[in-house]
Amino acid sequence: MNDIRVVVADDQAAVREALAAMLDLMPGIAVVGAAGDGVEAVALVREHRPDVLLTDLRMPNLDGAGATERVLADAPDTAVVLLTTFDDEESILRGLQAGARGYLTKNAGRAEIAAAITAAAAGQSVLDPQVQQRLLASATGGSGAGRAPSPPAVTPADLTPRETEVLRLIADGLANRDIAARLFVSESTVKTHINNLFAKAQLRDRAHAVRFAFDSGIAASGQGD
């Protein structure tokens, strides 16, 4: 199998170089570029078309969320994993709303980082346990500054059984291709279900959908209707 090709971005040279050196030693991973800010990260992704961009969130010139948006617009096959010291709700939501597939804090060990890169390259979402707890606290009414507004009231009954199942799989962290494989349907069919349920519940993005899934009990219920 080919190595997973990675671009690393961090404005601190020591952190950037350490990450690149560490990942290059991991089997199945090859670092193809290292950037000092978001602008350079976008340029390196455009040049190398890596499988994964591993990037800090707070960087000069263009931060990680902005770089994520530009990368996904220009190279949608590149997955983005954020690796940052920030685990507050506002930062988490900014990163996920930009389209990041993974969000880790810098407390993560090298095995966790490598596992997140591997999962992201395979189309799976990965959240640091601390990040997951923050999102769950928000979804269940926990406190937190910068909370995203709750979605409009929509009952699960307003969704079809298949839309409900797709929403639950989104909340489980599955990408569209994985949902399609789980349900034995095409990826275009999954996108149609997602468009329909997003329209019904007036959801902005997948992070918003995850919160709605927990608010409505869909993610915890294990039921498909």
C-alpha atoms as a PDB file:
ATOM      1  CA  MET A   1       0.000   0.000   0.000  1.00  0.00           C
ATOM      2  CA  ASN A   2       1.115   3.561  -0.665  1.00  0.00           C
ATOM      3  CA  ASP A   3       2.102   5.761   2.251  1.00  0.00           C
ATOM      4  CA  ILE A   4      -0.372   8.366   3.485  1.00  0.00           C
ATOM      5  CA  ARG A   5       1.043  11.678   2.277  1.00  0.00           C
ATOM      6  CA  VAL A   6       0.878  14.480   4.842  1.00  0.00           C
ATOM      7  CA  VAL A   7       1.511  18.219   4.960  1.00  0.00           C
ATOM      8  CA  VAL A   8       2.207  19.613   8.452  1.00  0.00           C
ATOM      9  CA  ALA A   9       1.432  23.237   9.342  1.00  0.00           C
ATOM     10  CA  ASP A  10       2.385  25.028  12.567  1.00  0.00           C
ATOM     11  CA  ASP A  11       3.745  28.518  13.110  1.00  0.00           C
ATOM     12  CA  GLN A  12       6.188  27.310  15.804  1.00  0.00           C
ATOM     13  CA  ALA A  13       9.237  25.931  14.020  1.00  0.00           C
ATOM     14  CA  ALA A  14      10.189  23.578  16.857  1.00  0.00           C
ATOM     15  CA  VAL A  15       6.707  22.036  16.946  1.00  0.00           C
ATOM     16  CA  ARG A  16       6.495  21.836  13.154  1.00  0.00           C
ATOM     17  CA  GLU A  17       9.870  20.161  12.793  1.00  0.00           C
ATOM     18  CA  ALA A  18       9.211  17.745  15.654  1.00  0.00           C
ATOM     19  CA  LEU A  19       5.861  16.701  14.178  1.00  0.00           C
ATOM     20  CA  ALA A  20       7.331  16.213  10.725  1.00  0.00           C
ATOM     21  CA  ALA A  21      10.235  14.156  12.069  1.00  0.00           C
ATOM     22  CA  MET A  22       7.952  12.058  14.276  1.00  0.00           C
ATOM     23  CA  LEU A  23       5.466  11.323  11.508  1.00  0.00           C
ATOM     24  CA  ASP A  24       8.189  10.435   9.023  1.00  0.00           C
ATOM     25  CA  LEU A  25       9.237   7.673  11.397  1.00  0.00           C
ATOM     26  CA  MET A  26       5.739   6.218  11.562  1.00  0.00           C
ATOM     27  CA  PRO A  27       5.131   3.305   9.177  1.00  0.00           C
ATOM     28  CA  GLY A  28       2.728   4.100   6.361  1.00  0.00           C
ATOM     29  CA  ILE A  29       3.059   7.903   6.659  1.00  0.00           C
ATOM     30  CA  ALA A  30       5.217  10.227   4.557  1.00  0.00           C
ATOM     31  CA  VAL A  31       5.535  13.970   5.221  1.00  0.00           C
ATOM     32  CA  VAL A  32       5.695  15.816   1.898  1.00  0.00           C
ATOM     33  CA  GLY A  33       5.739  19.391   3.169  1.00  0.00           C
ATOM     34  CA  ALA A  34       5.862  21.624   6.256  1.00  0.00           C
ATOM     35  CA  ALA A  35       4.286  25.085   6.455  1.00  0.00           C
ATOM     36  CA  GLY A  36       4.675  27.974   8.876  1.00  0.00           C
ATOM     37  CA  ASP A  37       1.231  29.491   8.351  1.00  0.00           C
ATOM     38  CA  GLY A  38      -2.099  28.855   6.651  1.00  0.00           C
ATOM     39  CA  VAL A  39      -1.172  30.573   3.400  1.00  0.00           C
ATOM     40  CA  GLU A  40       1.896  28.378   2.996  1.00  0.00           C
ATOM     41  CA  ALA A  41      -0.149  25.308   3.947  1.00  0.00           C
ATOM     42  CA  VAL A  42      -2.682  26.004   1.193  1.00  0.00           C
ATOM     43  CA  ALA A  43       0.143  26.453  -1.325  1.00  0.00           C
ATOM     44  CA  LEU A  44       1.820  23.185  -0.289  1.00  0.00           C
ATOM     45  CA  VAL A  45      -1.461  21.288  -0.514  1.00  0.00           C
ATOM     46  CA  ARG A  46      -2.016  22.712  -3.985  1.00  0.00           C
ATOM     47  CA  GLU A  47       1.500  21.627  -4.981  1.00  0.00           C
ATOM     48  CA  HIS A  48       1.631  18.148  -3.428  1.00  0.00           C
ATOM     49  CA  ARG A  49      -2.054  17.111  -3.220  1.00  0.00           C
ATOM     50  CA  PRO A  50      -1.491  15.199   0.042  1.00  0.00           C
ATOM     51  CA  ASP A  51      -3.973  12.819   1.603  1.00  0.00           C
ATOM     52  CA  VAL A  52      -4.025  14.781   4.870  1.00  0.00           C
ATOM     53  CA  LEU A  53      -3.221  18.277   6.090  1.00  0.00           C
ATOM     54  CA  LEU A  54      -2.291  18.260   9.795  1.00  0.00           C
ATOM     55  CA  THR A  55      -2.518  21.870  10.910  1.00  0.00           C
ATOM     56  CA  ASP A  56      -2.509  24.076  13.963  1.00  0.00           C
ATOM     57  CA  LEU A  57      -5.591  26.224  14.489  1.00  0.00           C
ATOM     58  CA  ARG A  58      -4.071  29.559  15.510  1.00  0.00           C
ATOM     59  CA  MET A  59      -1.499  30.741  12.964  1.00  0.00           C
ATOM     60  CA  PRO A  60      -0.543  34.113  11.456  1.00  0.00           C
ATOM     61  CA  ASN A  61      -1.684  35.349   8.024  1.00  0.00           C
ATOM     62  CA  LEU A  62      -4.315  32.593   7.703  1.00  0.00           C
ATOM     63  CA  ASP A  63      -5.456  30.427  10.608  1.00  0.00           C
ATOM     64  CA  GLY A  64      -6.245  26.730  10.533  1.00  0.00           C
ATOM     65  CA  ALA A  65      -9.976  27.194   9.987  1.00  0.00           C
ATOM     66  CA  GLY A  66      -9.384  29.532   7.060  1.00  0.00           C
ATOM     67  CA  ALA A  67      -6.769  27.195   5.607  1.00  0.00           C
ATOM     68  CA  THR A  68      -9.207  24.296   5.962  1.00  0.00           C
ATOM     69  CA  GLU A  69     -11.862  26.126   3.965  1.00  0.00           C
ATOM     70  CA  ARG A  70      -9.432  27.022   1.185  1.00  0.00           C
ATOM     71  CA  VAL A  71      -7.902  23.554   1.044  1.00  0.00           C
ATOM     72  CA  LEU A  72     -11.265  21.816   0.805  1.00  0.00           C
ATOM     73  CA  ALA A  73     -12.405  24.219  -1.899  1.00  0.00           C
ATOM     74  CA  ASP A  74      -9.248  23.624  -3.922  1.00  0.00           C
ATOM     75  CA  ALA A  75      -8.404  20.011  -3.022  1.00  0.00           C
ATOM     76  CA  PRO A  76     -11.540  18.300  -1.671  1.00  0.00           C
ATOM     77  CA  ASP A  77      -9.804  14.916  -1.554  1.00  0.00           C
ATOM     78  CA  THR A  78      -7.399  16.203   1.094  1.00  0.00           C
ATOM     79  CA  ALA A  79      -8.640  15.557   4.631  1.00  0.00           C
ATOM     80  CA  VAL A  80      -7.824  18.117   7.319  1.00  0.00           C
ATOM     81  CA  VAL A  81      -6.935  17.261  10.914  1.00  0.00           C
ATOM     82  CA  LEU A  82      -6.547  20.108  13.391  1.00  0.00           C
ATOM     83  CA  LEU A  83      -3.923  19.686  16.115  1.00  0.00           C
ATOM     84  CA  THR A  84      -4.099  22.554  18.591  1.00  0.00           C
ATOM     85  CA  THR A  85      -3.807  23.591  22.208  1.00  0.00           C
ATOM     86  CA  PHE A  86      -7.336  25.000  22.089  1.00  0.00           C
ATOM     87  CA  ASP A  87     -10.215  22.796  23.247  1.00  0.00           C
ATOM     88  CA  ASP A  88     -12.814  25.497  23.922  1.00  0.00           C
ATOM     89  CA  GLU A  89     -16.179  25.110  22.247  1.00  0.00           C
ATOM     90  CA  GLU A  90     -15.825  28.129  19.975  1.00  0.00           C
ATOM     91  CA  SER A  91     -12.515  26.875  18.542  1.00  0.00           C
ATOM     92  CA  ILE A  92     -13.869  23.350  18.097  1.00  0.00           C
ATOM     93  CA  LEU A  93     -16.942  24.543  16.235  1.00  0.00           C
ATOM     94  CA  ARG A  94     -14.907  26.900  14.035  1.00  0.00           C
ATOM     95  CA  GLY A  95     -12.677  24.050  12.975  1.00  0.00           C
ATOM     96  CA  LEU A  96     -15.461  21.548  12.364  1.00  0.00           C
ATOM     97  CA  GLN A  97     -17.644  24.074  10.570  1.00  0.00           C
ATOM     98  CA  ALA A  98     -14.717  24.819   8.254  1.00  0.00           C
ATOM     99  CA  GLY A  99     -14.745  21.141   7.296  1.00  0.00           C
ATOM    100  CA  ALA A 100     -11.970  19.582   9.384  1.00  0.00           C
ATOM    101  CA  ARG A 101     -12.331  15.811   9.633  1.00  0.00           C
ATOM    102  CA  GLY A 102     -10.356  15.514  12.853  1.00  0.00           C
ATOM    103  CA  TYR A 103      -9.694  17.669  15.906  1.00  0.00           C
ATOM    104  CA  LEU A 104      -6.971  16.767  18.408  1.00  0.00           C
ATOM    105  CA  THR A 105      -5.374  18.689  21.232  1.00  0.00           C
ATOM    106  CA  LYS A 106      -1.602  18.770  21.539  1.00  0.00           C
ATOM    107  CA  ASN A 107      -1.886  16.479  24.533  1.00  0.00           C
ATOM    108  CA  ALA A 108      -2.372  13.666  22.008  1.00  0.00           C
ATOM    109  CA  GLY A 109       0.456  11.162  21.769  1.00  0.00           C
ATOM    110  CA  ARG A 110       2.174  10.152  18.559  1.00  0.00           C
ATOM    111  CA  ALA A 111       0.098   6.961  18.261  1.00  0.00           C
ATOM    112  CA  GLU A 112      -3.122   8.993  18.569  1.00  0.00           C
ATOM    113  CA  ILE A 113      -1.933  11.493  15.966  1.00  0.00           C
ATOM    114  CA  ALA A 114      -0.942   8.733  13.556  1.00  0.00           C
ATOM    115  CA  ALA A 115      -4.261   6.962  14.124  1.00  0.00           C
ATOM    116  CA  ALA A 116      -6.166  10.198  13.449  1.00  0.00           C
ATOM    117  CA  ILE A 117      -4.237  10.749  10.209  1.00  0.00           C
ATOM    118  CA  THR A 118      -4.934   7.188   9.097  1.00  0.00           C
ATOM    119  CA  ALA A 119      -8.624   7.495   9.944  1.00  0.00           C
ATOM    120  CA  ALA A 120      -8.970  10.863   8.211  1.00  0.00           C
ATOM    121  CA  ALA A 121      -7.292   9.513   5.070  1.00  0.00           C
ATOM    122  CA  ALA A 122      -9.866   6.694   5.115  1.00  0.00           C
ATOM    123  CA  GLY A 123     -12.752   9.163   5.288  1.00  0.00           C
ATOM    124  CA  GLN A 124     -13.464   8.846   9.013  1.00  0.00           C
ATOM    125  CA  SER A 125     -13.855  11.628  11.558  1.00  0.00           C
ATOM    126  CA  VAL A 126     -11.740  11.694  14.709  1.00  0.00           C
ATOM    127  CA  LEU A 127     -12.295  13.822  17.798  1.00  0.00           C
ATOM    128  CA  ASP A 128     -10.047  14.049  20.830  1.00  0.00           C
ATOM    129  CA  PRO A 129     -11.903  12.687  23.903  1.00  0.00           C
ATOM    130  CA  GLN A 130     -11.760  16.140  25.520  1.00  0.00           C
ATOM    131  CA  VAL A 131     -13.221  17.669  22.367  1.00  0.00           C
ATOM    132  CA  GLN A 132     -15.958  15.036  22.260  1.00  0.00           C
ATOM    133  CA  GLN A 133     -16.870  15.856  25.862  1.00  0.00           C
ATOM    134  CA  ARG A 134     -17.115  19.547  25.028  1.00  0.00           C
ATOM    135  CA  LEU A 135     -19.471  18.885  22.140  1.00  0.00           C
ATOM    136  CA  LEU A 136     -21.584  16.492  24.190  1.00  0.00           C
ATOM    137  CA  ALA A 137     -21.818  19.037  27.012  1.00  0.00           C
ATOM    138  CA  SER A 138     -22.983  21.628  24.511  1.00  0.00           C
ATOM    139  CA  ALA A 139     -25.471  19.252  22.905  1.00  0.00           C
ATOM    140  CA  THR A 140     -26.973  18.304  26.250  1.00  0.00           C
ATOM    141  CA  GLY A 141     -27.228  21.855  27.540  1.00  0.00           C
ATOM    142  CA  GLY A 142     -23.870  22.173  29.289  1.00  0.00           C
ATOM    143  CA  SER A 143     -22.392  25.603  29.763  1.00  0.00           C
ATOM    144  CA  GLY A 144     -19.869  27.103  27.404  1.00  0.00           C
ATOM    145  CA  ALA A 145     -18.986  30.495  26.057  1.00  0.00           C
ATOM    146  CA  GLY A 146     -19.478  31.027  22.369  1.00  0.00           C
ATOM    147  CA  ARG A 147     -22.115  28.317  22.034  1.00  0.00           C
ATOM    148  CA  ALA A 148     -23.644  27.884  18.626  1.00  0.00           C
ATOM    149  CA  PRO A 149     -27.364  28.674  18.599  1.00  0.00           C
ATOM    150  CA  SER A 150     -29.657  25.691  18.984  1.00  0.00           C
ATOM    151  CA  PRO A 151     -31.227  24.427  15.779  1.00  0.00           C
ATOM    152  CA  PRO A 152     -34.891  25.234  15.206  1.00  0.00           C
ATOM    153  CA  ALA A 153     -37.345  22.835  16.808  1.00  0.00           C
ATOM    154  CA  VAL A 154     -37.853  19.876  14.489  1.00  0.00           C
ATOM    155  CA  THR A 155     -39.078  16.540  15.780  1.00  0.00           C
ATOM    156  CA  PRO A 156     -37.399  13.331  14.655  1.00  0.00           C
ATOM    157  CA  ALA A 157     -40.773  12.347  13.186  1.00  0.00           C
ATOM    158  CA  ASP A 158     -40.324  15.101  10.589  1.00  0.00           C
ATOM    159  CA  LEU A 159     -37.449  13.059   9.140  1.00  0.00           C
ATOM    160  CA  THR A 160     -37.904   9.842   7.211  1.00  0.00           C
ATOM    161  CA  PRO A 161     -36.467   6.661   8.787  1.00  0.00           C
ATOM    162  CA  ARG A 162     -33.585   6.712   6.304  1.00  0.00           C
ATOM    163  CA  GLU A 163     -32.853  10.410   6.946  1.00  0.00           C
ATOM    164  CA  THR A 164     -32.848   9.655  10.665  1.00  0.00           C
ATOM    165  CA  GLU A 165     -30.398   6.821  10.162  1.00  0.00           C
ATOM    166  CA  VAL A 166     -28.119   8.989   8.029  1.00  0.00           C
ATOM    167  CA  LEU A 167     -28.190  11.698  10.704  1.00  0.00           C
ATOM    168  CA  ARG A 168     -27.254   9.196  13.394  1.00  0.00           C
ATOM    169  CA  LEU A 169     -24.319   7.982  11.311  1.00  0.00           C
ATOM    170  CA  ILE A 170     -23.176  11.585  10.822  1.00  0.00           C
ATOM    171  CA  ALA A 171     -23.259  11.965  14.609  1.00  0.00           C
ATOM    172  CA  ASP A 172     -21.150   8.803  14.848  1.00  0.00           C
ATOM    173  CA  GLY A 173     -18.482  10.579  12.796  1.00  0.00           C
ATOM    174  CA  LEU A 174     -18.885   8.726   9.494  1.00  0.00           C
ATOM    175  CA  ALA A 175     -18.054  10.426   6.208  1.00  0.00           C
ATOM    176  CA  ASN A 176     -20.439  10.199   3.243  1.00  0.00           C
ATOM    177  CA  ARG A 177     -18.579   7.308   1.627  1.00  0.00           C
ATOM    178  CA  ASP A 178     -18.709   5.307   4.873  1.00  0.00           C
ATOM    179  CA  ILE A 179     -22.409   6.009   5.312  1.00  0.00           C
ATOM    180  CA  ALA A 180     -23.004   4.807   1.758  1.00  0.00           C
ATOM    181  CA  ALA A 181     -21.103   1.589   2.453  1.00  0.00           C
ATOM    182  CA  ARG A 182     -22.963   1.026   5.730  1.00  0.00           C
ATOM    183  CA  LEU A 183     -26.373   1.499   4.116  1.00  0.00           C
ATOM    184  CA  PHE A 184     -25.511  -0.228   0.817  1.00  0.00           C
ATOM    185  CA  VAL A 185     -26.479   2.813  -1.252  1.00  0.00           C
ATOM    186  CA  SER A 186     -24.565   5.180  -3.524  1.00  0.00           C
ATOM    187  CA  GLU A 187     -22.750   8.214  -2.183  1.00  0.00           C
ATOM    188  CA  SER A 188     -25.018  10.444  -4.282  1.00  0.00           C
ATOM    189  CA  THR A 189     -28.044   8.927  -2.508  1.00  0.00           C
ATOM    190  CA  VAL A 190     -26.455   9.730   0.843  1.00  0.00           C
ATOM    191  CA  LYS A 191     -25.886  13.325  -0.281  1.00  0.00           C
ATOM    192  CA  THR A 192     -29.557  13.574  -1.264  1.00  0.00           C
ATOM    193  CA  HIS A 193     -30.644  12.370   2.187  1.00  0.00           C
ATOM    194  CA  ILE A 194     -28.262  14.826   3.834  1.00  0.00           C
ATOM    195  CA  ASN A 195     -29.522  17.733   1.726  1.00  0.00           C
ATOM    196  CA  ASN A 196     -33.110  16.828   2.620  1.00  0.00           C
ATOM    197  CA  LEU A 197     -32.550  16.491   6.350  1.00  0.00           C
ATOM    198  CA  PHE A 198     -30.413  19.648   6.462  1.00  0.00           C
ATOM    199  CA  ALA A 199     -33.232  21.542   4.749  1.00  0.00           C
ATOM    200  CA  LYS A 200     -35.894  20.149   7.090  1.00  0.00           C
ATOM    201  CA  ALA A 201     -33.934  20.896  10.252  1.00  0.00           C
ATOM    202  CA  GLN A 202     -32.346  24.094   8.869  1.00  0.00           C
ATOM    203  CA  LEU A 203     -28.865  22.808   9.684  1.00  0.00           C
ATOM    204  CA  ARG A 204     -25.800  24.742   8.563  1.00  0.00           C
ATOM    205  CA  ASP A 205     -23.193  21.997   8.553  1.00  0.00           C
ATOM    206  CA  ARG A 206     -22.192  18.642  10.011  1.00  0.00           C
ATOM    207  CA  ALA A 207     -21.229  20.080  13.407  1.00  0.00           C
ATOM    208  CA  HIS A 208     -24.693  21.614  13.665  1.00  0.00           C
ATOM    209  CA  ALA A 209     -26.179  18.267  12.598  1.00  0.00           C
ATOM    210  CA  VAL A 210     -24.309  16.438  15.366  1.00  0.00           C
ATOM    211  CA  ARG A 211     -25.728  18.782  17.950  1.00  0.00           C
ATOM    212  CA  PHE A 212     -29.249  18.375  16.563  1.00  0.00           C
ATOM    213  CA  ALA A 213     -28.855  14.588  16.649  1.00  0.00           C
ATOM    214  CA  PHE A 214     -28.084  14.708  20.368  1.00  0.00           C
ATOM    215  CA  ASP A 215     -30.691  17.384  21.133  1.00  0.00           C
ATOM    216  CA  SER A 216     -33.399  15.270  19.498  1.00  0.00           C
ATOM    217  CA  GLY A 217     -32.218  11.988  21.013  1.00  0.00           C
ATOM    218  CA  ILE A 218     -31.433  10.443  17.626  1.00  0.00           C
ATOM    219  CA  ALA A 219     -27.740   9.914  18.362  1.00  0.00           C
ATOM    220  CA  ALA A 220     -28.428   8.259  21.711  1.00  0.00           C
ATOM    221  CA  SER A 221     -31.594   6.372  20.869  1.00  0.00           C
ATOM    222  CA  GLY A 222     -30.219   3.743  18.511  1.00  0.00           C
ATOM    223  CA  GLN A 223     -33.568   3.727  16.724  1.00  0.00           C
ATOM    224  CA  GLY A 224     -34.046   4.321  13.037  1.00  0.00           C
ATOM    225  CA  ASP A 225     -37.488   5.958  13.086  1.00  0.00           C
END
